[in-house]
Amino acid sequence: MADRTFLDELTNLSVNVNGLVVPGRSIERTLARHAFNLVVNNDHDTYKVSLVGSSTAVKFNGRYILLCTNHQLVGVDMQQVAMLKDDGSVLVTSGGSRFYSQSSDTDAYDLVAFDFTEPVAAHPDLKKRFFNLLAAPPDTLNTNILAMLLTGFPTKKQKYELEDKNHLGIARLNVACIPDSQPADLALLRVRPDRELTISPDGMSGGSAFVIQLVNWEPHAYFAGIIVRGGTSGFYVLKAGFVIAFLNSVFEQHPSGG
């Protein structure tokens, strides 16, 4: 059927996610839950928070880390970057940020990691939000890639009605994609949506990218990287291997408990 997406084709299959078998009909929801609105505490009675795009939560070497891109944070006090609890009642700020100190022409340096390890210890219900990042996807042919799932929070889909209604309406956008091309920047992968987007994806920078690919003829899901920018016809994703190299560099490979 022409209206079916690549993810629809997984409905009758099962997908291995870090050793856990997930029904294909649930895989979109399972992977998308690790992307979040990037929230900044304003210390203001009415406008308590600002929304500055998207972020991705991963657990890596025992640390609970919220990832986003550096270009989202222009003019933002990094000490005020936070996560909202599920009911929106508690705003939890991070335990500090890490980023590359030098600049470069590659987007591999456009990353910031917020360490939520200590806050998660104090609020253990947050643990389920973090994807256990064990490894980059194994190299494979494009013919073995069943789908890529990108998730973020487009600015135009968010409802920020704090002044009159004290309402914050947060809406995810999940986009099924396939690999499109290799840009000149080897840290990136360009992907294109299965169907053209009807709204601007502005605000999805920092969101998550996962890939579902065949390994020994069975579907496996892996963290594929972070969205760095995009438009209605395609996105650029910072590859998982470069994200892992960044995390190893800024955290000096010292695991944290938890």
Protein backbone atom coordinates (compact mmCIF):
# COMPACT_ATOMS: atom_id res chain seq x y z
CA MET A 1 0.00 0.00 0.00
CA ALA A 2 1.30 3.43 -0.95
CA ASP A 3 0.38 5.00 2.39
CA ARG A 4 2.34 2.51 4.50
CA THR A 5 5.64 3.64 6.02
CA PHE A 6 8.72 1.51 6.57
CA LEU A 7 7.77 1.24 10.24
CA ASP A 8 4.37 -0.12 9.27
CA GLU A 9 6.16 -3.03 7.63
CA LEU A 10 7.60 -4.01 11.04
CA THR A 11 4.16 -4.57 12.60
CA ASN A 12 4.32 -8.35 12.33
CA LEU A 13 7.99 -8.66 13.29
CA SER A 14 9.92 -8.45 16.56
CA VAL A 15 12.91 -6.15 17.07
CA ASN A 16 15.88 -6.82 19.34
CA VAL A 17 16.75 -3.75 21.45
CA ASN A 18 19.82 -4.37 23.63
CA GLY A 19 18.80 -8.01 24.00
CA LEU A 20 15.15 -7.23 24.76
CA VAL A 21 12.68 -8.42 22.14
CA VAL A 22 10.10 -5.71 21.36
CA PRO A 23 7.01 -6.32 19.20
CA GLY A 24 7.28 -4.41 15.94
CA ARG A 25 4.00 -2.60 16.61
CA SER A 26 5.59 -1.08 19.76
CA ILE A 27 9.06 -0.25 18.44
CA GLU A 28 8.26 3.33 17.44
CA ARG A 29 6.95 4.17 20.91
CA THR A 30 9.82 2.29 22.59
CA LEU A 31 12.56 4.20 20.78
CA ALA A 32 10.89 7.61 20.64
CA ARG A 33 10.56 7.83 24.43
CA HIS A 34 14.26 8.69 24.75
CA ALA A 35 13.85 12.07 23.01
CA PHE A 36 12.74 15.08 25.05
CA ASN A 37 12.06 18.79 24.79
CA LEU A 38 15.16 20.62 25.98
CA VAL A 39 13.89 22.60 28.96
CA VAL A 40 15.57 25.60 30.59
CA ASN A 41 14.59 26.84 34.05
CA ASN A 42 13.79 30.58 33.87
CA ASP A 43 13.38 31.33 37.59
CA HIS A 44 10.28 33.35 36.64
CA ASP A 45 6.87 33.23 38.39
CA THR A 46 4.87 32.98 35.15
CA TYR A 47 7.25 31.79 32.42
CA LYS A 48 8.89 29.12 34.51
CA VAL A 49 10.65 27.39 31.62
CA SER A 50 11.83 27.95 28.06
CA LEU A 51 11.79 25.31 25.35
CA VAL A 52 14.96 25.35 23.24
CA GLY A 53 14.57 22.46 20.84
CA SER A 54 15.12 18.77 21.46
CA SER A 55 17.43 16.47 23.41
CA THR A 56 18.26 12.78 23.74
CA ALA A 57 18.70 10.82 26.98
CA VAL A 58 21.29 8.02 27.08
CA LYS A 59 22.95 5.93 29.75
CA PHE A 60 26.64 5.52 28.92
CA ASN A 61 29.32 3.88 31.08
CA GLY A 62 27.06 4.19 34.12
CA ARG A 63 26.31 7.87 33.60
CA TYR A 64 22.88 9.30 32.82
CA ILE A 65 23.41 11.91 30.13
CA LEU A 66 21.17 14.33 28.25
CA LEU A 67 22.58 15.22 24.83
CA CYS A 68 21.85 18.17 22.57
CA THR A 69 23.64 20.38 20.06
CA ASN A 70 25.70 23.41 21.04
CA HIS A 71 23.97 25.71 18.56
CA GLN A 72 20.69 25.28 20.46
CA LEU A 73 22.21 26.89 23.54
CA VAL A 74 23.14 30.37 22.31
CA GLY A 75 22.27 32.75 25.16
CA VAL A 76 21.27 29.88 27.48
CA ASP A 77 22.63 29.48 31.01
CA MET A 78 23.75 25.84 30.89
CA GLN A 79 23.34 25.51 34.65
CA GLN A 80 19.59 25.94 34.16
CA VAL A 81 19.09 23.12 31.64
CA ALA A 82 16.64 20.69 33.22
CA MET A 83 14.30 17.73 32.81
CA LEU A 84 10.61 17.82 33.72
CA LYS A 85 9.25 14.86 35.63
CA ASP A 86 6.40 12.96 34.01
CA ASP A 87 3.65 14.92 35.77
CA GLY A 88 5.40 18.25 35.19
CA SER A 89 5.48 18.97 38.92
CA VAL A 90 9.25 18.89 39.42
CA LEU A 91 11.99 20.51 37.37
CA VAL A 92 15.30 18.67 37.80
CA THR A 93 18.49 20.49 36.77
CA SER A 94 21.65 18.68 35.70
CA GLY A 95 24.84 18.02 37.63
CA GLY A 96 26.98 19.89 35.09
CA SER A 97 27.76 20.03 31.37
CA ARG A 98 30.59 18.82 29.14
CA PHE A 99 31.50 19.93 25.62
CA TYR A 100 34.48 20.27 23.32
CA SER A 101 36.45 23.40 24.13
CA GLN A 102 37.83 23.82 20.61
CA SER A 103 35.83 24.56 17.48
CA SER A 104 36.05 22.80 14.15
CA ASP A 105 34.53 22.73 10.69
CA THR A 106 32.95 19.36 11.45
CA ASP A 107 29.60 18.98 13.21
CA ALA A 108 31.25 16.34 15.41
CA TYR A 109 32.11 19.20 17.78
CA ASP A 110 28.54 20.53 17.97
CA LEU A 111 27.58 18.48 21.04
CA VAL A 112 26.86 19.17 24.69
CA ALA A 113 26.37 16.49 27.38
CA PHE A 114 24.46 17.30 30.59
CA ASP A 115 25.30 14.89 33.39
CA PHE A 116 22.14 13.80 35.21
CA THR A 117 23.77 10.96 37.14
CA GLU A 118 23.35 12.52 40.59
CA PRO A 119 19.87 13.95 39.88
CA VAL A 120 18.74 10.51 38.66
CA ALA A 121 20.03 8.96 41.89
CA ALA A 122 17.78 11.39 43.75
CA HIS A 123 14.87 10.81 41.33
CA PRO A 124 15.17 7.15 40.26
CA ASP A 125 11.90 7.28 38.32
CA LEU A 126 13.87 9.19 35.65
CA LYS A 127 16.02 6.13 34.86
CA LYS A 128 13.55 4.72 32.35
CA ARG A 129 14.00 7.76 30.14
CA PHE A 130 17.64 6.94 29.29
CA PHE A 131 18.56 4.58 26.47
CA ASN A 132 21.35 2.19 27.41
CA LEU A 133 23.99 3.15 24.82
CA LEU A 134 26.26 0.14 24.52
CA ALA A 135 27.72 0.46 21.02
CA ALA A 136 27.34 2.06 17.62
CA PRO A 137 25.39 0.12 14.98
CA PRO A 138 27.51 -2.46 13.16
CA ASP A 139 28.48 -1.54 9.62
CA THR A 140 26.05 -2.97 7.11
CA LEU A 141 24.75 -2.53 3.59
CA ASN A 142 21.89 -0.09 3.07
CA THR A 143 19.81 -3.02 1.90
CA ASN A 144 19.92 -4.37 5.48
CA ILE A 145 18.49 -1.15 6.92
CA LEU A 146 14.74 -1.53 7.41
CA ALA A 147 14.08 1.95 8.76
CA MET A 148 15.47 4.86 10.70
CA LEU A 149 13.36 6.63 13.32
CA LEU A 150 14.03 10.28 14.08
CA THR A 151 12.25 11.94 16.99
CA GLY A 152 12.19 15.57 18.06
CA PHE A 153 10.00 18.48 19.08
CA PRO A 154 9.29 20.94 16.24
CA THR A 155 8.79 24.45 17.58
CA LYS A 156 5.49 24.92 15.73
CA LYS A 157 3.93 21.86 17.41
CA GLN A 158 4.59 23.01 20.98
CA LYS A 159 1.92 24.89 22.94
CA TYR A 160 3.38 27.46 25.32
CA GLU A 161 0.36 28.97 27.11
CA LEU A 162 1.76 29.77 30.53
CA GLU A 163 0.55 33.36 30.90
CA ASP A 164 -3.21 32.72 30.64
CA LYS A 165 -3.67 28.95 31.01
CA ASN A 166 -0.52 27.75 32.81
CA HIS A 167 -0.37 25.06 30.13
CA LEU A 168 2.68 23.57 28.47
CA GLY A 169 1.70 21.33 25.57
CA ILE A 170 4.65 19.18 24.48
CA ALA A 171 4.31 17.23 21.23
CA ARG A 172 6.80 14.79 19.71
CA LEU A 173 7.23 14.25 16.01
CA ASN A 174 8.39 10.80 14.87
CA VAL A 175 9.74 10.63 11.33
CA ALA A 176 10.44 7.33 9.57
CA CYS A 177 13.49 7.78 7.31
CA ILE A 178 15.97 5.91 5.14
CA PRO A 179 19.66 6.74 4.46
CA ASP A 180 20.03 9.19 1.59
CA SER A 181 23.68 10.18 1.10
CA GLN A 182 27.08 10.70 2.72
CA PRO A 183 27.85 14.43 3.12
CA ALA A 184 31.37 15.84 2.82
CA ASP A 185 31.50 15.92 6.63
CA LEU A 186 32.15 12.25 7.44
CA ALA A 187 30.68 12.72 10.93
CA LEU A 188 27.24 13.15 9.38
CA LEU A 189 24.69 11.02 7.59
CA ARG A 190 21.92 12.53 5.49
CA VAL A 191 18.57 10.75 5.69
CA ARG A 192 15.27 11.43 3.94
CA PRO A 193 11.74 10.95 5.27
CA ASP A 194 9.67 8.07 4.01
CA ARG A 195 7.04 10.68 3.19
CA GLU A 196 7.57 14.44 2.84
CA LEU A 197 6.93 16.45 5.98
CA THR A 198 4.03 18.88 6.04
CA ILE A 199 5.41 21.02 8.89
CA SER A 200 8.78 22.63 9.47
CA PRO A 201 11.07 20.42 11.60
CA ASP A 202 12.74 23.49 13.11
CA GLY A 203 13.37 22.61 16.76
CA MET A 204 14.27 18.95 16.15
CA SER A 205 18.02 19.57 16.54
CA GLY A 206 19.25 17.48 19.46
CA GLY A 207 16.57 14.84 18.93
CA SER A 208 17.27 11.14 18.62
CA ALA A 209 17.99 8.93 15.62
CA PHE A 210 17.66 5.16 15.82
CA VAL A 211 18.21 2.59 13.09
CA ILE A 212 16.52 -0.78 12.67
CA GLN A 213 18.67 -3.12 10.62
CA LEU A 214 19.03 -6.81 9.90
CA VAL A 215 21.70 -8.72 11.81
CA ASN A 216 21.81 -12.41 10.88
CA TRP A 217 18.41 -11.88 9.22
CA GLU A 218 16.81 -10.59 12.42
CA PRO A 219 15.78 -6.94 13.06
CA HIS A 220 17.90 -5.14 15.66
CA ALA A 221 17.54 -1.52 16.82
CA TYR A 222 20.55 0.68 17.59
CA PHE A 223 21.18 4.26 18.58
CA ALA A 224 22.19 5.89 15.30
CA GLY A 225 23.04 9.42 16.44
CA ILE A 226 21.75 12.93 17.11
CA ILE A 227 19.83 15.20 14.75
CA VAL A 228 21.90 18.31 14.02
CA ARG A 229 19.64 20.03 11.46
CA GLY A 230 17.05 19.33 8.83
CA GLY A 231 14.24 20.45 6.57
CA THR A 232 11.06 18.99 5.13
CA SER A 233 13.03 16.95 2.57
CA GLY A 234 15.81 15.58 4.77
CA PHE A 235 17.86 15.59 7.99
CA TYR A 236 21.52 15.51 8.94
CA VAL A 237 22.38 13.09 11.75
CA LEU A 238 25.64 13.11 13.73
CA LYS A 239 26.63 9.45 13.65
CA ALA A 240 26.61 7.32 16.80
CA GLY A 241 30.35 6.55 16.58
CA PHE A 242 31.18 10.25 16.82
CA VAL A 243 28.75 10.71 19.71
CA ILE A 244 30.42 7.82 21.57
CA ALA A 245 33.89 9.27 20.85
CA PHE A 246 32.70 12.60 22.27
CA LEU A 247 31.37 10.97 25.44
CA ASN A 248 34.57 9.00 25.94
CA SER A 249 36.58 12.19 25.49
CA VAL A 250 34.68 14.56 27.77
CA PHE A 251 34.12 12.00 30.52
CA GLU A 252 37.67 10.61 30.20
CA GLN A 253 36.36 7.03 30.20
CA HIS A 254 35.79 7.08 33.98
CA PRO A 255 32.57 5.15 34.62
CA SER A 256 30.18 6.46 37.22
CA GLY A 257 28.15 4.34 39.58
CA GLY A 258 24.40 3.95 39.11
